[in-house]
């Protein structure tokens, strides 16, 4: 099992999301928690512009993260709405 670390930006985004759209926030949180067991799941994709990062979809949101196998850690860098995800 991998340890999950959230960036400050992601923590803030999730807090705002919980207030404005609790349903989406719970979907994103469940997806993040599932990454601890399988960080390279079938639905994860490499980010074309940054191949060291992976992306996974969670409803209307995209989760961007990096896996550190040697430390058994996952760092979540961004959680963006689908419409904004391509800008990264």
PDB file of N, CA and C in Angstrom:
ATOM      1  N   UNK A   1       0.837  -1.181   0.000  1.00  0.00           N
ATOM      2  CA  UNK A   1       0.000   0.000   0.000  1.00  0.00           C
ATOM      3  C   UNK A   1       0.889   1.254   0.000  1.00  0.00           C
ATOM      4  N   UNK A   2       0.497   2.229  -0.781  1.00  0.00           N
ATOM      5  CA  UNK A   2       1.248   3.471  -0.919  1.00  0.00           C
ATOM      6  C   UNK A   2       0.679   4.537   0.021  1.00  0.00           C
ATOM      7  N   UNK A   3       1.562   5.406   0.476  1.00  0.00           N
ATOM      8  CA  UNK A   3       1.136   6.551   1.276  1.00  0.00           C
ATOM      9  C   UNK A   3       0.783   7.680   0.316  1.00  0.00           C
ATOM     10  N   UNK A   4      -0.283   8.399   0.608  1.00  0.00           N
ATOM     11  CA  UNK A   4      -0.732   9.483  -0.270  1.00  0.00           C
ATOM     12  C   UNK A   4      -0.439  10.827   0.385  1.00  0.00           C
ATOM     13  N   UNK A   5       0.220  11.704  -0.368  1.00  0.00           N
ATOM     14  CA  UNK A   5       0.519  13.066   0.083  1.00  0.00           C
ATOM     15  C   UNK A   5      -0.187  14.045  -0.845  1.00  0.00           C
ATOM     16  N   UNK A   6      -0.884  15.002  -0.261  1.00  0.00           N
ATOM     17  CA  UNK A   6      -1.584  16.019  -1.034  1.00  0.00           C
ATOM     18  C   UNK A   6      -0.801  17.324  -0.987  1.00  0.00           C
ATOM     19  N   UNK A   7      -0.685  17.981  -2.128  1.00  0.00           N
ATOM     20  CA  UNK A   7      -0.056  19.303  -2.136  1.00  0.00           C
ATOM     21  C   UNK A   7      -1.001  20.293  -1.454  1.00  0.00           C
ATOM     22  N   UNK A   8      -0.460  21.426  -1.050  1.00  0.00           N
ATOM     23  CA  UNK A   8      -1.282  22.470  -0.406  1.00  0.00           C
ATOM     24  C   UNK A   8      -2.405  22.919  -1.341  1.00  0.00           C
ATOM     25  N   UNK A   9      -2.081  23.021  -2.617  1.00  0.00           N
ATOM     26  CA  UNK A   9      -3.081  23.440  -3.601  1.00  0.00           C
ATOM     27  C   UNK A   9      -4.231  22.436  -3.668  1.00  0.00           C
ATOM     28  N   UNK A  10      -3.910  21.151  -3.633  1.00  0.00           N
ATOM     29  CA  UNK A  10      -4.944  20.112  -3.690  1.00  0.00           C
ATOM     30  C   UNK A  10      -5.796  20.148  -2.427  1.00  0.00           C
ATOM     31  N   UNK A  11      -5.177  20.322  -1.273  1.00  0.00           N
ATOM     32  CA  UNK A  11      -5.941  20.410  -0.026  1.00  0.00           C
ATOM     33  C   UNK A  11      -6.946  21.558  -0.090  1.00  0.00           C
ATOM     34  N   UNK A  12      -6.502  22.697  -0.600  1.00  0.00           N
ATOM     35  CA  UNK A  12      -7.381  23.863  -0.725  1.00  0.00           C
ATOM     36  C   UNK A  12      -8.504  23.591  -1.728  1.00  0.00           C
ATOM     37  N   UNK A  13      -8.157  22.987  -2.851  1.00  0.00           N
ATOM     38  CA  UNK A  13      -9.156  22.669  -3.876  1.00  0.00           C
ATOM     39  C   UNK A  13     -10.215  21.709  -3.329  1.00  0.00           C
ATOM     40  N   UNK A  14      -9.788  20.687  -2.599  1.00  0.00           N
ATOM     41  CA  UNK A  14     -10.741  19.726  -2.032  1.00  0.00           C
ATOM     42  C   UNK A  14     -11.639  20.379  -0.989  1.00  0.00           C
ATOM     43  N   UNK A  15     -11.078  21.283  -0.206  1.00  0.00           N
ATOM     44  CA  UNK A  15     -11.873  21.990   0.797  1.00  0.00           C
ATOM     45  C   UNK A  15     -12.961  22.825   0.121  1.00  0.00           C
ATOM     46  N   UNK A  16     -12.583  23.547  -0.926  1.00  0.00           N
ATOM     47  CA  UNK A  16     -13.557  24.350  -1.675  1.00  0.00           C
ATOM     48  C   UNK A  16     -14.592  23.467  -2.358  1.00  0.00           C
ATOM     49  N   UNK A  17     -14.141  22.343  -2.870  1.00  0.00           N
ATOM     50  CA  UNK A  17     -15.037  21.420  -3.561  1.00  0.00           C
ATOM     51  C   UNK A  17     -16.056  20.824  -2.592  1.00  0.00           C
ATOM     52  N   UNK A  18     -15.624  20.516  -1.363  1.00  0.00           N
ATOM     53  CA  UNK A  18     -16.542  19.975  -0.354  1.00  0.00           C
ATOM     54  C   UNK A  18     -17.672  20.949  -0.063  1.00  0.00           C
ATOM     55  N   UNK A  19     -17.344  22.241  -0.071  1.00  0.00           N
ATOM     56  CA  UNK A  19     -18.361  23.253   0.192  1.00  0.00           C
ATOM     57  C   UNK A  19     -19.315  23.436  -0.988  1.00  0.00           C
ATOM     58  N   UNK A  20     -18.748  23.502  -2.175  1.00  0.00           N
ATOM     59  CA  UNK A  20     -19.563  23.836  -3.346  1.00  0.00           C
ATOM     60  C   UNK A  20     -20.229  22.627  -3.999  1.00  0.00           C
ATOM     61  N   UNK A  21     -19.528  21.492  -4.040  1.00  0.00           N
ATOM     62  CA  UNK A  21     -20.065  20.301  -4.704  1.00  0.00           C
ATOM     63  C   UNK A  21     -19.682  19.047  -3.916  1.00  0.00           C
ATOM     64  N   UNK A  22     -20.382  18.772  -2.831  1.00  0.00           N
ATOM     65  CA  UNK A  22     -20.004  17.647  -1.969  1.00  0.00           C
ATOM     66  C   UNK A  22     -20.006  16.293  -2.677  1.00  0.00           C
ATOM     67  N   UNK A  23     -20.890  16.112  -3.643  1.00  0.00           N
ATOM     68  CA  UNK A  23     -20.939  14.832  -4.361  1.00  0.00           C
ATOM     69  C   UNK A  23     -19.639  14.609  -5.143  1.00  0.00           C
ATOM     70  N   UNK A  24     -19.200  15.627  -5.869  1.00  0.00           N
ATOM     71  CA  UNK A  24     -17.950  15.515  -6.624  1.00  0.00           C
ATOM     72  C   UNK A  24     -16.758  15.347  -5.684  1.00  0.00           C
ATOM     73  N   UNK A  25     -16.792  16.050  -4.555  1.00  0.00           N
ATOM     74  CA  UNK A  25     -15.696  15.953  -3.585  1.00  0.00           C
ATOM     75  C   UNK A  25     -15.559  14.532  -3.060  1.00  0.00           C
ATOM     76  N   UNK A  26     -16.671  13.874  -2.781  1.00  0.00           N
ATOM     77  CA  UNK A  26     -16.589  12.497  -2.274  1.00  0.00           C
ATOM     78  C   UNK A  26     -16.104  11.542  -3.360  1.00  0.00           C
ATOM     79  N   UNK A  27     -16.491  11.777  -4.617  1.00  0.00           N
ATOM     80  CA  UNK A  27     -15.990  10.949  -5.722  1.00  0.00           C
ATOM     81  C   UNK A  27     -14.477  11.086  -5.858  1.00  0.00           C
ATOM     82  N   UNK A  28     -13.991  12.308  -5.793  1.00  0.00           N
ATOM     83  CA  UNK A  28     -12.555  12.560  -5.923  1.00  0.00           C
ATOM     84  C   UNK A  28     -11.810  11.919  -4.758  1.00  0.00           C
ATOM     85  N   UNK A  29     -12.327  12.078  -3.550  1.00  0.00           N
ATOM     86  CA  UNK A  29     -11.672  11.508  -2.369  1.00  0.00           C
ATOM     87  C   UNK A  29     -11.606   9.983  -2.462  1.00  0.00           C
ATOM     88  N   UNK A  30     -12.687   9.350  -2.904  1.00  0.00           N
ATOM     89  CA  UNK A  30     -12.691   7.888  -3.073  1.00  0.00           C
ATOM     90  C   UNK A  30     -11.648   7.453  -4.097  1.00  0.00           C
ATOM     91  N   UNK A  31     -11.544   8.188  -5.195  1.00  0.00           N
ATOM     92  CA  UNK A  31     -10.570   7.847  -6.236  1.00  0.00           C
ATOM     93  C   UNK A  31      -9.147   8.004  -5.714  1.00  0.00           C
ATOM     94  N   UNK A  32      -8.891   9.073  -4.974  1.00  0.00           N
ATOM     95  CA  UNK A  32      -7.559   9.282  -4.394  1.00  0.00           C
ATOM     96  C   UNK A  32      -7.227   8.148  -3.431  1.00  0.00           C
ATOM     97  N   UNK A  33      -8.182   7.768  -2.594  1.00  0.00           N
ATOM     98  CA  UNK A  33      -7.951   6.675  -1.643  1.00  0.00           C
ATOM     99  C   UNK A  33      -7.676   5.359  -2.357  1.00  0.00           C
ATOM    100  N   UNK A  34      -8.337   5.125  -3.479  1.00  0.00           N
ATOM    101  CA  UNK A  34      -8.127   3.874  -4.219  1.00  0.00           C
ATOM    102  C   UNK A  34      -6.733   3.807  -4.847  1.00  0.00           C
ATOM    103  N   UNK A  35      -6.128   4.969  -5.105  1.00  0.00           N
ATOM    104  CA  UNK A  35      -4.779   4.983  -5.676  1.00  0.00           C
ATOM    105  C   UNK A  35      -3.754   4.368  -4.728  1.00  0.00           C
ATOM    106  N   UNK A  36      -4.003   4.407  -3.440  1.00  0.00           N
ATOM    107  CA  UNK A  36      -3.069   3.841  -2.463  1.00  0.00           C
ATOM    108  C   UNK A  36      -2.881   2.346  -2.688  1.00  0.00           C
ATOM    109  N   UNK A  37      -3.911   1.679  -3.190  1.00  0.00           N
ATOM    110  CA  UNK A  37      -3.845   0.236  -3.421  1.00  0.00           C
ATOM    111  C   UNK A  37      -3.367  -0.117  -4.823  1.00  0.00           C
ATOM    112  N   UNK A  38      -3.666   0.746  -5.782  1.00  0.00           N
ATOM    113  CA  UNK A  38      -3.288   0.465  -7.163  1.00  0.00           C
ATOM    114  C   UNK A  38      -2.993   1.785  -7.892  1.00  0.00           C
ATOM    115  N   UNK A  39      -1.776   2.321  -7.739  1.00  0.00           N
ATOM    116  CA  UNK A  39      -1.486   3.635  -8.328  1.00  0.00           C
ATOM    117  C   UNK A  39      -1.429   3.645  -9.853  1.00  0.00           C
ATOM    118  N   UNK A  40      -1.250   2.493 -10.449  1.00  0.00           N
ATOM    119  CA  UNK A  40      -1.215   2.426 -11.915  1.00  0.00           C
ATOM    120  C   UNK A  40      -2.383   1.581 -12.414  1.00  0.00           C
ATOM    121  N   UNK A  41      -3.559   1.994 -12.015  1.00  0.00           N
ATOM    122  CA  UNK A  41      -4.756   1.251 -12.400  1.00  0.00           C
ATOM    123  C   UNK A  41      -4.976   1.334 -13.904  1.00  0.00           C
ATOM    124  N   UNK A  42      -5.893   0.531 -14.372  1.00  0.00           N
ATOM    125  CA  UNK A  42      -6.161   0.460 -15.804  1.00  0.00           C
ATOM    126  C   UNK A  42      -6.639   1.794 -16.372  1.00  0.00           C
ATOM    127  N   UNK A  43      -7.306   2.591 -15.561  1.00  0.00           N
ATOM    128  CA  UNK A  43      -7.832   3.858 -16.071  1.00  0.00           C
ATOM    129  C   UNK A  43      -6.872   5.040 -15.892  1.00  0.00           C
ATOM    130  N   UNK A  44      -5.663   4.802 -15.398  1.00  0.00           N
ATOM    131  CA  UNK A  44      -4.684   5.894 -15.293  1.00  0.00           C
ATOM    132  C   UNK A  44      -3.946   6.046 -16.621  1.00  0.00           C
ATOM    133  N   UNK A  45      -3.592   7.286 -16.927  1.00  0.00           N
ATOM    134  CA  UNK A  45      -2.912   7.579 -18.192  1.00  0.00           C
ATOM    135  C   UNK A  45      -1.730   8.489 -17.918  1.00  0.00           C
ATOM    136  N   UNK A  46      -0.695   8.364 -18.736  1.00  0.00           N
ATOM    137  CA  UNK A  46       0.438   9.278 -18.623  1.00  0.00           C
ATOM    138  C   UNK A  46       0.034  10.641 -19.175  1.00  0.00           C
ATOM    139  N   UNK A  47       0.559  11.685 -18.549  1.00  0.00           N
ATOM    140  CA  UNK A  47       0.332  13.041 -19.038  1.00  0.00           C
ATOM    141  C   UNK A  47       1.323  13.269 -20.175  1.00  0.00           C
ATOM    142  N   UNK A  48       0.828  13.585 -21.342  1.00  0.00           N
ATOM    143  CA  UNK A  48       1.667  13.681 -22.538  1.00  0.00           C
ATOM    144  C   UNK A  48       2.766  14.727 -22.378  1.00  0.00           C
ATOM    145  N   UNK A  49       2.425  15.881 -21.849  1.00  0.00           N
ATOM    146  CA  UNK A  49       3.412  16.957 -21.727  1.00  0.00           C
ATOM    147  C   UNK A  49       4.374  16.750 -20.562  1.00  0.00           C
ATOM    148  N   UNK A  50       4.007  15.880 -19.628  1.00  0.00           N
ATOM    149  CA  UNK A  50       4.854  15.579 -18.459  1.00  0.00           C
ATOM    150  C   UNK A  50       4.781  14.087 -18.176  1.00  0.00           C
ATOM    151  N   UNK A  51       5.582  13.287 -18.873  1.00  0.00           N
ATOM    152  CA  UNK A  51       5.451  11.828 -18.813  1.00  0.00           C
ATOM    153  C   UNK A  51       5.710  11.202 -17.448  1.00  0.00           C
ATOM    154  N   UNK A  52       6.335  11.922 -16.531  1.00  0.00           N
ATOM    155  CA  UNK A  52       6.561  11.352 -15.203  1.00  0.00           C
ATOM    156  C   UNK A  52       5.299  11.403 -14.335  1.00  0.00           C
ATOM    157  N   UNK A  53       4.269  12.115 -14.802  1.00  0.00           N
ATOM    158  CA  UNK A  53       3.009  12.238 -14.077  1.00  0.00           C
ATOM    159  C   UNK A  53       1.946  11.334 -14.688  1.00  0.00           C
ATOM    160  N   UNK A  54       1.005  10.951 -13.846  1.00  0.00           N
ATOM    161  CA  UNK A  54      -0.143  10.173 -14.292  1.00  0.00           C
ATOM    162  C   UNK A  54      -1.402  10.986 -14.041  1.00  0.00           C
ATOM    163  N   UNK A  55      -2.451  10.624 -14.769  1.00  0.00           N
ATOM    164  CA  UNK A  55      -3.739  11.296 -14.636  1.00  0.00           C
ATOM    165  C   UNK A  55      -4.811  10.230 -14.529  1.00  0.00           C
ATOM    166  N   UNK A  56      -5.776  10.478 -13.683  1.00  0.00           N
ATOM    167  CA  UNK A  56      -6.910   9.575 -13.576  1.00  0.00           C
ATOM    168  C   UNK A  56      -8.176  10.430 -13.515  1.00  0.00           C
ATOM    169  N   UNK A  57      -9.240   9.941 -14.129  1.00  0.00           N
ATOM    170  CA  UNK A  57     -10.507  10.664 -14.168  1.00  0.00           C
ATOM    171  C   UNK A  57     -11.367  10.283 -12.973  1.00  0.00           C
ATOM    172  N   UNK A  58     -12.067  11.274 -12.447  1.00  0.00           N
ATOM    173  CA  UNK A  58     -13.028  11.040 -11.377  1.00  0.00           C
ATOM    174  C   UNK A  58     -14.231  11.931 -11.651  1.00  0.00           C
ATOM    175  N   UNK A  59     -15.189  11.410 -12.374  1.00  0.00           N
ATOM    176  CA  UNK A  59     -16.356  12.204 -12.742  1.00  0.00           C
ATOM    177  C   UNK A  59     -15.949  13.392 -13.588  1.00  0.00           C
ATOM    178  N   UNK A  60     -16.292  14.575 -13.131  1.00  0.00           N
ATOM    179  CA  UNK A  60     -15.977  15.807 -13.854  1.00  0.00           C
ATOM    180  C   UNK A  60     -14.595  16.359 -13.512  1.00  0.00           C
ATOM    181  N   UNK A  61     -13.816  15.626 -12.734  1.00  0.00           N
ATOM    182  CA  UNK A  61     -12.509  16.110 -12.293  1.00  0.00           C
ATOM    183  C   UNK A  61     -11.395  15.187 -12.734  1.00  0.00           C
ATOM    184  N   UNK A  62     -10.189  15.761 -12.859  1.00  0.00           N
ATOM    185  CA  UNK A  62      -8.995  15.010 -13.226  1.00  0.00           C
ATOM    186  C   UNK A  62      -7.988  15.145 -12.093  1.00  0.00           C
ATOM    187  N   UNK A  63      -7.382  14.028 -11.728  1.00  0.00           N
ATOM    188  CA  UNK A  63      -6.410  13.991 -10.640  1.00  0.00           C
ATOM    189  C   UNK A  63      -5.039  13.730 -11.250  1.00  0.00           C
ATOM    190  N   UNK A  64      -4.091  14.617 -10.988  1.00  0.00           N
ATOM    191  CA  UNK A  64      -2.730  14.482 -11.505  1.00  0.00           C
ATOM    192  C   UNK A  64      -1.810  14.102 -10.354  1.00  0.00           C
ATOM    193  N   UNK A  65      -0.993  13.078 -10.569  1.00  0.00           N
ATOM    194  CA  UNK A  65      -0.153  12.593  -9.481  1.00  0.00           C
ATOM    195  C   UNK A  65       1.126  11.960 -10.004  1.00  0.00           C
ATOM    196  N   UNK A  66       2.049  11.744  -9.078  1.00  0.00           N
ATOM    197  CA  UNK A  66       3.329  11.132  -9.392  1.00  0.00           C
ATOM    198  C   UNK A  66       3.556  10.003  -8.391  1.00  0.00           C
ATOM    199  N   UNK A  67       4.065   8.868  -8.884  1.00  0.00           N
ATOM    200  CA  UNK A  67       4.292   7.690  -8.046  1.00  0.00           C
ATOM    201  C   UNK A  67       5.786   7.556  -7.763  1.00  0.00           C
ATOM    202  N   UNK A  68       6.113   7.361  -6.505  1.00  0.00           N
ATOM    203  CA  UNK A  68       7.489   7.107  -6.079  1.00  0.00           C
ATOM    204  C   UNK A  68       7.541   5.687  -5.524  1.00  0.00           C
ATOM    205  N   UNK A  69       7.920   4.735  -6.381  1.00  0.00           N
ATOM    206  CA  UNK A  69       7.921   3.330  -5.976  1.00  0.00           C
ATOM    207  C   UNK A  69       8.938   3.039  -4.884  1.00  0.00           C
ATOM    208  N   UNK A  70      10.092   3.679  -4.950  1.00  0.00           N
ATOM    209  CA  UNK A  70      11.136   3.407  -3.956  1.00  0.00           C
ATOM    210  C   UNK A  70      10.717   3.815  -2.542  1.00  0.00           C
ATOM    211  N   UNK A  71       9.861   4.847  -2.421  1.00  0.00           N
ATOM    212  CA  UNK A  71       9.385   5.306  -1.111  1.00  0.00           C
ATOM    213  C   UNK A  71       7.966   4.845  -0.814  1.00  0.00           C
ATOM    214  N   UNK A  72       7.343   4.177  -1.786  1.00  0.00           N
ATOM    215  CA  UNK A  72       5.940   3.752  -1.660  1.00  0.00           C
ATOM    216  C   UNK A  72       5.043   4.956  -1.344  1.00  0.00           C
ATOM    217  N   UNK A  73       5.210   6.016  -2.139  1.00  0.00           N
ATOM    218  CA  UNK A  73       4.432   7.235  -1.952  1.00  0.00           C
ATOM    219  C   UNK A  73       3.801   7.685  -3.265  1.00  0.00           C
ATOM    220  N   UNK A  74       2.688   8.350  -3.118  1.00  0.00           N
ATOM    221  CA  UNK A  74       2.016   8.999  -4.244  1.00  0.00           C
ATOM    222  C   UNK A  74       1.824  10.454  -3.853  1.00  0.00           C
ATOM    223  N   UNK A  75       2.259  11.351  -4.716  1.00  0.00           N
ATOM    224  CA  UNK A  75       2.054  12.771  -4.468  1.00  0.00           C
ATOM    225  C   UNK A  75       0.998  13.281  -5.434  1.00  0.00           C
ATOM    226  N   UNK A  76      -0.087  13.766  -4.879  1.00  0.00           N
ATOM    227  CA  UNK A  76      -1.171  14.327  -5.676  1.00  0.00           C
ATOM    228  C   UNK A  76      -0.850  15.808  -5.871  1.00  0.00           C
ATOM    229  N   UNK A  77      -0.670  16.212  -7.131  1.00  0.00           N
ATOM    230  CA  UNK A  77      -0.256  17.582  -7.430  1.00  0.00           C
ATOM    231  C   UNK A  77      -1.408  18.496  -7.811  1.00  0.00           C
ATOM    232  N   UNK A  78      -2.400  17.939  -8.476  1.00  0.00           N
ATOM    233  CA  UNK A  78      -3.499  18.783  -8.945  1.00  0.00           C
ATOM    234  C   UNK A  78      -4.792  17.995  -8.977  1.00  0.00           C
ATOM    235  N   UNK A  79      -5.875  18.694  -8.728  1.00  0.00           N
ATOM    236  CA  UNK A  79      -7.220  18.180  -8.953  1.00  0.00           C
ATOM    237  C   UNK A  79      -7.935  19.301  -9.683  1.00  0.00           C
ATOM    238  N   UNK A  80      -8.199  19.082 -10.966  1.00  0.00           N
ATOM    239  CA  UNK A  80      -8.774  20.133 -11.804  1.00  0.00           C
ATOM    240  C   UNK A  80     -10.090  19.683 -12.418  1.00  0.00           C
ATOM    241  N   UNK A  81     -11.002  20.646 -12.636  1.00  0.00           N
ATOM    242  CA  UNK A  81     -12.195  20.316 -13.415  1.00  0.00           C
ATOM    243  C   UNK A  81     -11.779  19.888 -14.822  1.00  0.00           C
ATOM    244  N   UNK A  82     -12.562  19.048 -15.416  1.00  0.00           N
ATOM    245  CA  UNK A  82     -12.233  18.515 -16.740  1.00  0.00           C
ATOM    246  C   UNK A  82     -11.938  19.619 -17.747  1.00  0.00           C
ATOM    247  N   UNK A  83     -12.714  20.685 -17.709  1.00  0.00           N
ATOM    248  CA  UNK A  83     -12.547  21.773 -18.692  1.00  0.00           C
ATOM    249  C   UNK A  83     -11.209  22.496 -18.550  1.00  0.00           C
ATOM    250  N   UNK A  84     -10.586  22.444 -17.364  1.00  0.00           N
ATOM    251  CA  UNK A  84      -9.309  23.129 -17.139  1.00  0.00           C
ATOM    252  C   UNK A  84      -8.104  22.200 -17.196  1.00  0.00           C
ATOM    253  N   UNK A  85      -8.319  20.910 -17.217  1.00  0.00           N
ATOM    254  CA  UNK A  85      -7.228  19.941 -17.083  1.00  0.00           C
ATOM    255  C   UNK A  85      -6.239  19.992 -18.244  1.00  0.00           C
ATOM    256  N   UNK A  86      -6.685  20.335 -19.427  1.00  0.00           N
ATOM    257  CA  UNK A  86      -5.791  20.327 -20.588  1.00  0.00           C
ATOM    258  C   UNK A  86      -4.748  21.437 -20.522  1.00  0.00           C
ATOM    259  N   UNK A  87      -4.937  22.428 -19.690  1.00  0.00           N
ATOM    260  CA  UNK A  87      -4.022  23.575 -19.624  1.00  0.00           C
ATOM    261  C   UNK A  87      -2.725  23.254 -18.910  1.00  0.00           C
ATOM    262  N   UNK A  88      -2.674  22.119 -18.249  1.00  0.00           N
ATOM    263  CA  UNK A  88      -1.482  21.772 -17.481  1.00  0.00           C
ATOM    264  C   UNK A  88      -0.595  21.013 -18.361  1.00  0.00           C
TER     265      UNK A  88
END
